[in-house]
Each structure stands twice: as structure tokens, then as C-alpha cells.
C-alpha atoms as a PDB file:
ATOM      1  CA  MET A   1      20.483  -3.614  -1.267  1.00  0.00           C
ATOM      2  CA  GLU A   2      20.159  -7.307  -1.714  1.00  0.00           C
ATOM      3  CA  LYS A   3      19.022  -7.387   1.799  1.00  0.00           C
ATOM      4  CA  THR A   4      16.381  -4.908   1.004  1.00  0.00           C
ATOM      5  CA  ALA A   5      15.104  -6.762  -2.136  1.00  0.00           C
ATOM      6  CA  GLN A   6      14.963 -10.003   0.162  1.00  0.00           C
ATOM      7  CA  GLN A   7      12.978  -8.179   2.865  1.00  0.00           C
ATOM      8  CA  PHE A   8      10.551  -6.829   0.375  1.00  0.00           C
ATOM      9  CA  GLU A   9       9.799 -10.233  -0.825  1.00  0.00           C
ATOM     10  CA  SER A  10       9.433 -11.532   2.666  1.00  0.00           C
ATOM     11  CA  VAL A  11       6.896  -8.638   3.271  1.00  0.00           C
ATOM     12  CA  ILE A  12       5.043  -9.345   0.143  1.00  0.00           C
ATOM     13  CA  ILE A  13       4.727 -12.861   0.952  1.00  0.00           C
ATOM     14  CA  GLN A  14       2.646 -12.064   3.972  1.00  0.00           C
ATOM     15  CA  CYS A  15       0.683  -9.453   2.181  1.00  0.00           C
ATOM     16  CA  ARG A  16      -0.010 -11.885  -0.798  1.00  0.00           C
ATOM     17  CA  GLU A  17      -1.155 -14.480   1.763  1.00  0.00           C
ATOM     18  CA  VAL A  18      -3.665 -12.021   3.327  1.00  0.00           C
ATOM     19  CA  PHE A  19      -4.853 -10.925  -0.130  1.00  0.00           C
ATOM     20  CA  VAL A  20      -5.367 -14.468  -1.106  1.00  0.00           C
ATOM     21  CA  LYS A  21      -7.387 -15.429   1.867  1.00  0.00           C
ATOM     22  CA  LYS A  22      -9.535 -12.440   1.559  1.00  0.00           C
ATOM     23  CA  MET A  23     -10.161 -13.314  -1.973  1.00  0.00           C
ATOM     24  CA  LYS A  24     -11.303 -16.645  -0.948  1.00  0.00           C
ATOM     25  CA  ASP A  25     -13.456 -15.176   1.593  1.00  0.00           C
ATOM     26  CA  TYR A  26     -14.850 -12.296  -0.670  1.00  0.00           C
ATOM     27  CA  SER A  27     -13.709 -13.108  -4.220  1.00  0.00           C
ATOM     28  CA  PHE A  28     -12.882  -9.696  -5.889  1.00  0.00           C
ATOM     29  CA  ALA A  29     -15.951  -7.849  -4.669  1.00  0.00           C
ATOM     30  CA  TRP A  30     -13.896  -4.760  -4.064  1.00  0.00           C
ATOM     31  CA  ARG A  31     -13.929  -4.446  -8.016  1.00  0.00           C
ATOM     32  CA  ILE A  32     -17.208  -2.468  -7.709  1.00  0.00           C
ATOM     33  CA  LEU A  33     -15.350   0.355  -5.635  1.00  0.00           C
ATOM     34  CA  ARG A  34     -14.428   3.632  -7.173  1.00  0.00           C
ATOM     35  CA  THR A  35     -10.727   4.635  -6.724  1.00  0.00           C
ATOM     36  CA  PRO A  36     -11.885   7.289  -4.049  1.00  0.00           C
ATOM     37  CA  SER A  37     -13.262   4.677  -1.878  1.00  0.00           C
ATOM     38  CA  LEU A  38     -10.182   2.672  -1.990  1.00  0.00           C
ATOM     39  CA  THR A  39      -8.205   5.703  -1.288  1.00  0.00           C
ATOM     40  CA  ASP A  40     -10.431   6.493   1.912  1.00  0.00           C
ATOM     41  CA  GLN A  41      -9.958   2.738   2.990  1.00  0.00           C
ATOM     42  CA  ILE A  42      -6.147   3.269   2.820  1.00  0.00           C
ATOM     43  CA  TYR A  43      -6.536   6.501   4.792  1.00  0.00           C
ATOM     44  CA  ILE A  44      -8.700   4.902   7.662  1.00  0.00           C
ATOM     45  CA  LYS A  45      -5.742   2.296   8.115  1.00  0.00           C
ATOM     46  CA  ALA A  46      -3.127   4.901   7.930  1.00  0.00           C
ATOM     47  CA  ASN A  47      -4.987   7.210  10.332  1.00  0.00           C
ATOM     48  CA  ARG A  48      -5.558   4.473  12.811  1.00  0.00           C
ATOM     49  CA  ILE A  49      -1.720   3.630  12.816  1.00  0.00           C
ATOM     50  CA  ARG A  50      -0.962   7.331  13.543  1.00  0.00           C
ATOM     51  CA  SER A  51      -3.506   7.377  16.230  1.00  0.00           C
ATOM     52  CA  ILE A  52      -1.927   4.237  17.695  1.00  0.00           C
ATOM     53  CA  GLU A  53       1.650   5.748  17.348  1.00  0.00           C
ATOM     54  CA  SER A  54       0.366   8.980  19.268  1.00  0.00           C
ATOM     55  CA  LYS A  55      -1.633   7.277  21.976  1.00  0.00           C
ATOM     56  CA  GLY A  56       0.836   4.293  22.440  1.00  0.00           C
ATOM     57  CA  VAL A  57      -1.989   2.052  23.234  1.00  0.00           C
ATOM     58  CA  ASN A  58      -4.674   0.220  21.173  1.00  0.00           C
ATOM     59  CA  LYS A  59      -8.085  -0.934  22.179  1.00  0.00           C
ATOM     60  CA  VAL A  60      -8.750  -3.332  19.298  1.00  0.00           C
ATOM     61  CA  ASP A  61      -6.613  -6.286  19.714  1.00  0.00           C
ATOM     62  CA  GLU A  62      -4.670  -5.687  16.120  1.00  0.00           C
ATOM     63  CA  GLY A  63      -1.558  -4.026  15.891  1.00  0.00           C
ATOM     64  CA  ASN A  64       0.129  -1.798  13.244  1.00  0.00           C
ATOM     65  CA  ILE A  65       1.506  -4.670  11.148  1.00  0.00           C
ATOM     66  CA  PRO A  66      -2.154  -5.919   9.914  1.00  0.00           C
ATOM     67  CA  GLU A  67      -2.930  -2.095   8.919  1.00  0.00           C
ATOM     68  CA  PHE A  68       0.410  -1.863   6.718  1.00  0.00           C
ATOM     69  CA  ILE A  69      -0.618  -4.864   4.809  1.00  0.00           C
ATOM     70  CA  GLY A  70      -3.807  -3.536   4.475  1.00  0.00           C
ATOM     71  CA  ILE A  71      -2.475  -0.423   3.074  1.00  0.00           C
ATOM     72  CA  ILE A  72      -0.421  -2.376   0.520  1.00  0.00           C
ATOM     73  CA  ASN A  73      -3.098  -4.564  -0.446  1.00  0.00           C
ATOM     74  CA  TYR A  74      -5.465  -1.612  -1.006  1.00  0.00           C
ATOM     75  CA  SER A  75      -3.302   0.175  -2.874  1.00  0.00           C
ATOM     76  CA  VAL A  76      -2.666  -2.791  -5.203  1.00  0.00           C
ATOM     77  CA  MET A  77      -6.486  -2.774  -5.563  1.00  0.00           C
ATOM     78  CA  ALA A  78      -6.324   0.928  -6.531  1.00  0.00           C
ATOM     79  CA  LEU A  79      -3.749   0.508  -9.264  1.00  0.00           C
ATOM     80  CA  VAL A  80      -5.988  -2.218 -10.660  1.00  0.00           C
ATOM     81  CA  GLN A  81      -8.913   0.062 -10.563  1.00  0.00           C
ATOM     82  CA  LEU A  82      -6.950   2.836 -12.445  1.00  0.00           C
ATOM     83  CA  GLU A  83      -5.993   0.286 -15.098  1.00  0.00           C
ATOM     84  CA  LEU A  84      -9.468  -1.656 -15.600  1.00  0.00           C
ATOM     85  CA  GLY A  85     -11.873   0.871 -14.185  1.00  0.00           C
ATOM     86  CA  ILE A  86     -14.847   0.085 -11.938  1.00  0.00           C
ATOM     87  CA  ALA A  87     -16.798  -3.256 -12.623  1.00  0.00           C
ATOM     88  CA  GLU A  88     -20.546  -3.730 -12.010  1.00  0.00           C
ATOM     89  CA  GLU A  89     -19.847  -6.967 -10.298  1.00  0.00           C
ATOM     90  CA  ASP A  90     -16.888  -9.063  -9.176  1.00  0.00           C
ATOM     91  CA  ASP A  91     -15.646  -9.924 -12.673  1.00  0.00           C
ATOM     92  CA  LEU A  92     -11.927 -11.470 -11.867  1.00  0.00           C
ATOM     93  CA  ASP A  93     -10.868 -15.010 -11.989  1.00  0.00           C
ATOM     94  CA  GLU A  94      -8.417 -16.059  -9.331  1.00  0.00           C
ATOM     95  CA  LYS A  95      -5.623 -16.422 -11.961  1.00  0.00           C
ATOM     96  CA  THR A  96      -6.167 -12.906 -13.356  1.00  0.00           C
ATOM     97  CA  GLY A  97      -6.497 -11.221 -10.203  1.00  0.00           C
ATOM     98  CA  MET A  98      -3.205 -12.770  -8.897  1.00  0.00           C
ATOM     99  CA  GLU A  99      -1.521 -11.689 -12.200  1.00  0.00           C
ATOM    100  CA  LEU A 100      -2.645  -8.216 -11.632  1.00  0.00           C
ATOM    101  CA  TYR A 101      -1.644  -8.354  -8.099  1.00  0.00           C
ATOM    102  CA  ASN A 102       1.874  -9.727  -8.751  1.00  0.00           C
ATOM    103  CA  LYS A 103       2.200  -7.110 -11.660  1.00  0.00           C
ATOM    104  CA  TYR A 104       1.691  -4.076  -9.437  1.00  0.00           C
ATOM    105  CA  ILE A 105       3.699  -5.477  -6.373  1.00  0.00           C
ATOM    106  CA  TYR A 106       6.805  -6.122  -8.597  1.00  0.00           C
ATOM    107  CA  GLU A 107       6.450  -2.727 -10.421  1.00  0.00           C
ATOM    108  CA  ALA A 108       6.535  -0.977  -6.919  1.00  0.00           C
ATOM    109  CA  ARG A 109       9.510  -3.154  -5.962  1.00  0.00           C
ATOM    110  CA  ASP A 110      11.326  -2.124  -9.350  1.00  0.00           C
ATOM    111  CA  LEU A 111      10.708   1.416  -8.478  1.00  0.00           C
ATOM    112  CA  MET A 112      11.833   0.957  -4.798  1.00  0.00           C
ATOM    113  CA  LEU A 113      14.926  -0.772  -5.716  1.00  0.00           C
ATOM    114  CA  ASN A 114      15.734   2.315  -8.455  1.00  0.00           C
ATOM    115  CA  LYS A 115      14.958   4.859  -5.706  1.00  0.00           C
ATOM    116  CA  ASN A 116      16.883   2.990  -3.102  1.00  0.00           C
ATOM    117  CA  HIS A 117      20.048   3.146  -5.286  1.00  0.00           C
ATOM    118  CA  ASP A 118      19.554   7.129  -5.459  1.00  0.00           C
ATOM    119  CA  TYR A 119      18.474   7.897  -2.018  1.00  0.00           C
ATOM    120  CA  ASP A 120      21.121   5.220  -0.584  1.00  0.00           C
ATOM    121  CA  GLU A 121      18.314   3.525   1.649  1.00  0.00           C
ATOM    122  CA  ALA A 122      17.897   6.559   3.719  1.00  0.00           C
ATOM    123  CA  TRP A 123      14.327   4.969   4.718  1.00  0.00           C
ATOM    124  CA  ARG A 124      16.482   2.906   7.085  1.00  0.00           C
ATOM    125  CA  ASN A 125      17.278   5.893   9.343  1.00  0.00           C
ATOM    126  CA  MET A 126      13.655   7.127   9.296  1.00  0.00           C
ATOM    127  CA  ARG A 127      11.162   6.373  12.064  1.00  0.00           C
ATOM    128  CA  VAL A 128       8.199   4.362  11.609  1.00  0.00           C
ATOM    129  CA  SER A 129       6.062   7.161  12.735  1.00  0.00           C
ATOM    130  CA  SER A 130       7.540   9.369   9.966  1.00  0.00           C
ATOM    131  CA  LEU A 131       6.613   6.560   7.235  1.00  0.00           C
ATOM    132  CA  THR A 132       3.047   6.768   8.452  1.00  0.00           C
ATOM    133  CA  ASP A 133       3.139  10.582   8.145  1.00  0.00           C
ATOM    134  CA  ILE A 134       4.606  10.382   4.538  1.00  0.00           C
ATOM    135  CA  ILE A 135       1.895   7.729   3.916  1.00  0.00           C
ATOM    136  CA  LEU A 136      -0.795  10.143   5.204  1.00  0.00           C
ATOM    137  CA  MET A 137       0.560  13.088   3.198  1.00  0.00           C
ATOM    138  CA  LYS A 138       0.771  11.037   0.129  1.00  0.00           C
ATOM    139  CA  LEU A 139      -3.226   9.956   0.601  1.00  0.00           C
ATOM    140  CA  LEU A 140      -3.888  13.784   0.983  1.00  0.00           C
ATOM    141  CA  ARG A 141      -2.256  14.215  -2.319  1.00  0.00           C
ATOM    142  CA  VAL A 142      -4.126  11.458  -3.764  1.00  0.00           C
ATOM    143  CA  LYS A 143      -7.404  12.961  -2.555  1.00  0.00           C
ATOM    144  CA  GLN A 144      -6.464  16.301  -3.922  1.00  0.00           C
ATOM    145  CA  ILE A 145      -5.668  14.756  -7.641  1.00  0.00           C
ATOM    146  CA  GLU A 146      -8.829  12.879  -7.361  1.00  0.00           C
ATOM    147  CA  ASP A 147     -10.839  16.073  -6.484  1.00  0.00           C
ATOM    148  CA  ASN A 148      -9.307  17.532  -9.598  1.00  0.00           C
ATOM    149  CA  ASP A 149     -10.583  14.608 -11.894  1.00  0.00           C
ATOM    150  CA  GLY A 150      -6.982  13.147 -11.867  1.00  0.00           C
ATOM    151  CA  LYS A 151      -5.437  16.259 -13.590  1.00  0.00           C
ATOM    152  CA  THR A 152      -2.103  17.552 -12.259  1.00  0.00           C
ATOM    153  CA  SER A 153       0.026  20.318 -13.506  1.00  0.00           C
ATOM    154  CA  VAL A 154       3.640  19.296 -12.671  1.00  0.00           C
ATOM    155  CA  SER A 155       2.965  16.533 -10.081  1.00  0.00           C
ATOM    156  CA  GLU A 156       3.184  12.879 -10.232  1.00  0.00           C
ATOM    157  CA  GLY A 157      -0.291  11.180 -10.925  1.00  0.00           C
ATOM    158  CA  LEU A 158      -2.520   8.760  -8.905  1.00  0.00           C
ATOM    159  CA  ASP A 159      -0.504   5.692  -9.711  1.00  0.00           C
ATOM    160  CA  ALA A 160       2.926   7.142  -8.704  1.00  0.00           C
ATOM    161  CA  ASN A 161       1.390   7.956  -5.446  1.00  0.00           C
ATOM    162  CA  TYR A 162      -0.092   4.495  -4.837  1.00  0.00           C
ATOM    163  CA  PHE A 163       3.462   2.892  -5.719  1.00  0.00           C
ATOM    164  CA  ASP A 164       5.167   5.194  -2.979  1.00  0.00           C
ATOM    165  CA  ILE A 165       2.524   4.103  -0.511  1.00  0.00           C
ATOM    166  CA  ILE A 166       3.103   0.661  -1.070  1.00  0.00           C
ATOM    167  CA  ASN A 167       6.922   1.033  -0.776  1.00  0.00           C
ATOM    168  CA  TYR A 168       6.731   3.402   2.526  1.00  0.00           C
ATOM    169  CA  ALA A 169       4.261   0.789   4.118  1.00  0.00           C
ATOM    170  CA  VAL A 170       6.696  -2.146   3.031  1.00  0.00           C
ATOM    171  CA  PHE A 171       9.689  -0.010   4.651  1.00  0.00           C
ATOM    172  CA  ALA A 172       7.526   0.207   7.840  1.00  0.00           C
ATOM    173  CA  LEU A 173       6.905  -3.353   7.888  1.00  0.00           C
ATOM    174  CA  ILE A 174      10.483  -4.216   7.663  1.00  0.00           C
ATOM    175  CA  GLN A 175      11.405  -1.876  10.218  1.00  0.00           C
ATOM    176  CA  LEU A 176       8.707  -3.382  12.563  1.00  0.00           C
ATOM    177  CA  GLN A 177       9.859  -6.884  11.894  1.00  0.00           C
ATOM    178  CA  GLU A 178      13.448  -6.049  12.639  1.00  0.00           C
ATOM    179  CA  GLU A 179      12.341  -4.481  15.956  1.00  0.00           C
ATOM    180  CA  GLN A 180      10.878  -7.777  16.788  1.00  0.00           C
ATOM    181  CA  GLY A 181      13.825  -9.674  15.988  1.00  0.00           C
END
């Protein structure tokens, strides 16, 4: 599992780099988005991945890796929105934004390591397409919970689903990187 922790960190370095670059371009404009809007952004990315996987070709010169990175970063944004609520304007400074980013990324990592222990790294024997499908299923669950005003009877809440989405996207990126050698 030490290898997985190292691979997780390697993936997150890439994701954080993209997040920082986007922050420099756009600041924290996403703070005005409602959580369902972020869910829809994640859905668009996951659906594009599934479409490319199904068709075997893409017409936009961007593969699946940037989309999985986007899924991770948008999921972190959604977790921030769940904690802070929606802002009327860009209200975060760089230091606070990065502290929040790291807080949620490392909560996801800790959850992943605990689940990995219990599931004995079963994800390593899964196909990337299955990971994509699970992300889409989680998004449909999130949409249903959002439509129910965040209430669940016996199921995990929105945050648990976003954490799972982060981790499934990390697993997909690890597998894609291993395929590339």
C-alpha cells in the first residue's frame, strides 16, 4: 500500500498544479457556483470519458487524463462549497484556497488508504472503464441526494460521494499512467 500512497501523491501533484494554474487565471470565481452546478461539471467530464471509451476515438485533442484531473479538482471545489456555502463573489485568497484544497485531498487520501486496506486494493484489477462507470453512478446518486435537498435515509451524504469520486478518479489516473509506462 506504500506504492499506492506514493502514486496517489504523484497524481495529486498533477491535479494541484492544474488547480493552481487555473486559480492564477480565474482566481476563485467558482465560489459562486451552487453545488449542483459543480456536480454537473463533473458529470460532463465523466460522460465525455465514457463517450471516448465507448467510441475509441476523440475529436477534441484532449484525452481522458485531463478530464480525470478535472473530476478531482471539481470534486474538491464541491466539498469546499459544502463546507463554506456559496459566495456572492470570489472570496478566497490563495493561501486559504490552497489550505482547503489540501485539506480535502488529504481527507480523500486517508479514506482511500483505509478502504484500500479493507478491500485489498481490488481497484488494481478493475478496468478504467469500470472506474468511469462507478464515477457516473456516484454522480447520479449525488444528483438524487441534491434533488432530495441533501437528505438521505440510510445512504452516505454528498461529501462521502465526492470523496469516493476523487478516489476513483485517482485510481483511473494511476492505471492510465501505468499503461503509459
